[in-house]
Amino acid sequence: MLETSGRLLKLLSLLQARRDWPGGTLADRLGVSGRTVRRDVDRLRELGYPVQATKGPEGGYRLGAGADLPPLLFDAEQAVAVAVALQTATTSIDGIEEASLRALATVRQVMPARLRHRVDALQVTSVRQAADRPRVDAEVLLAVGGAVRAREVLRFDYKDAPRRCEPHHVVMWGGRWYLVAWDLDRQDWRTFRVDRLTPRTPNGPRFTPRELPAPDVSSYIAQRFASPEMPCTGTVILAAPAEAVAPWVRKTDLVEPLGDGRCRLTLSSWSWVGLAATTGMFDAELEIVGPPELREAALRLAQRYTRSSTPGDVEGSRR
């Protein structure tokens, strides 16, 4: 029985790791026969996991979406990321405080001691933001995000006036949530503060997304909120969640959540070296997306820091 239970947990972990698994590959990974894999899949289904059979030369399985949320398995990094995100999510979204605390308690309770100590070392107190950084209602954010995903016309009241738009992206910029959309009444691109809109139901008809007047949403938002005093604009991907980065950037900077504890940061500065230095202030691994000037500035800055950290070189430069 213990062997079977352990194998079921391993099978569940494999099914969560990627979308499709050939039956033969699962059997090899578990060290059992294809018949045993089929029996284990049936056991998972009895426990409420929506395991679907896939067609193909070998046949296979995938973990689908069900009516209820079954128990999930997280690896160590995922568990810590979820716990940290639950502590910081309430700083910008209203209506999820109690649910976040209950979810955090659930995750923490089943953590190994070594992971629990890592999470407990980061005690975050959620403080309501200043008036210029209002929080958004969780239900409103879900409604807007749902319209974006479904590609349905969003009807809403904005500053007490009715509006209609084709929603394209939800972004966080300078601590605020914005909706990037094509305004059907004004026939132009607009950005709307999510905390200032009230969705109406039902949504309108489906639409075919238009092309943004920019290479991507980061570029569009950067242009929309461009500052003439900050001529250098670049983009990096940080190995840190958007909720942890957003409070530390300016209102003119754009933070986009990418999932898996990562985010895309687009920001501006008075020089390329200054921009490279700013991206390094976050204690996280980063990938420079561009432009080339930012990569060159980061290389120059890295060489400068290397020289300055070597006492002999510093003394030599003084002479």
Foldseek 3Di string as FASTA:
>chain_A
DVLLVVLLVVLQVVQVVDFKDQLVRSCVVSVHDSVVVVVSVVVVVVQPFPWDWDDDPRITIHTDDDPDDGDHDDDLLRLLQLLVCLLLVCLAEPDCVVVSVVVNVVSLVPDDPVSNVVSVVDHDDRDHDDPVQHHAYPVLVVLLVVCQVQQFWWWKAAPNRIFIWRWHDWWAALNFIWTWTQTPVVRHIDIGGSRRIGTDPDTHGHDDDDDDPDPDPQVVLLVVLPDPQFPDKFKKKWQAAQSVCNNPDHRSKIWAGDDPRMIMIMDTHNALLVVLVVVPVDPTDMGTPDDVSNVVSVVVVVVVVVQVVDVVSVVVVVD
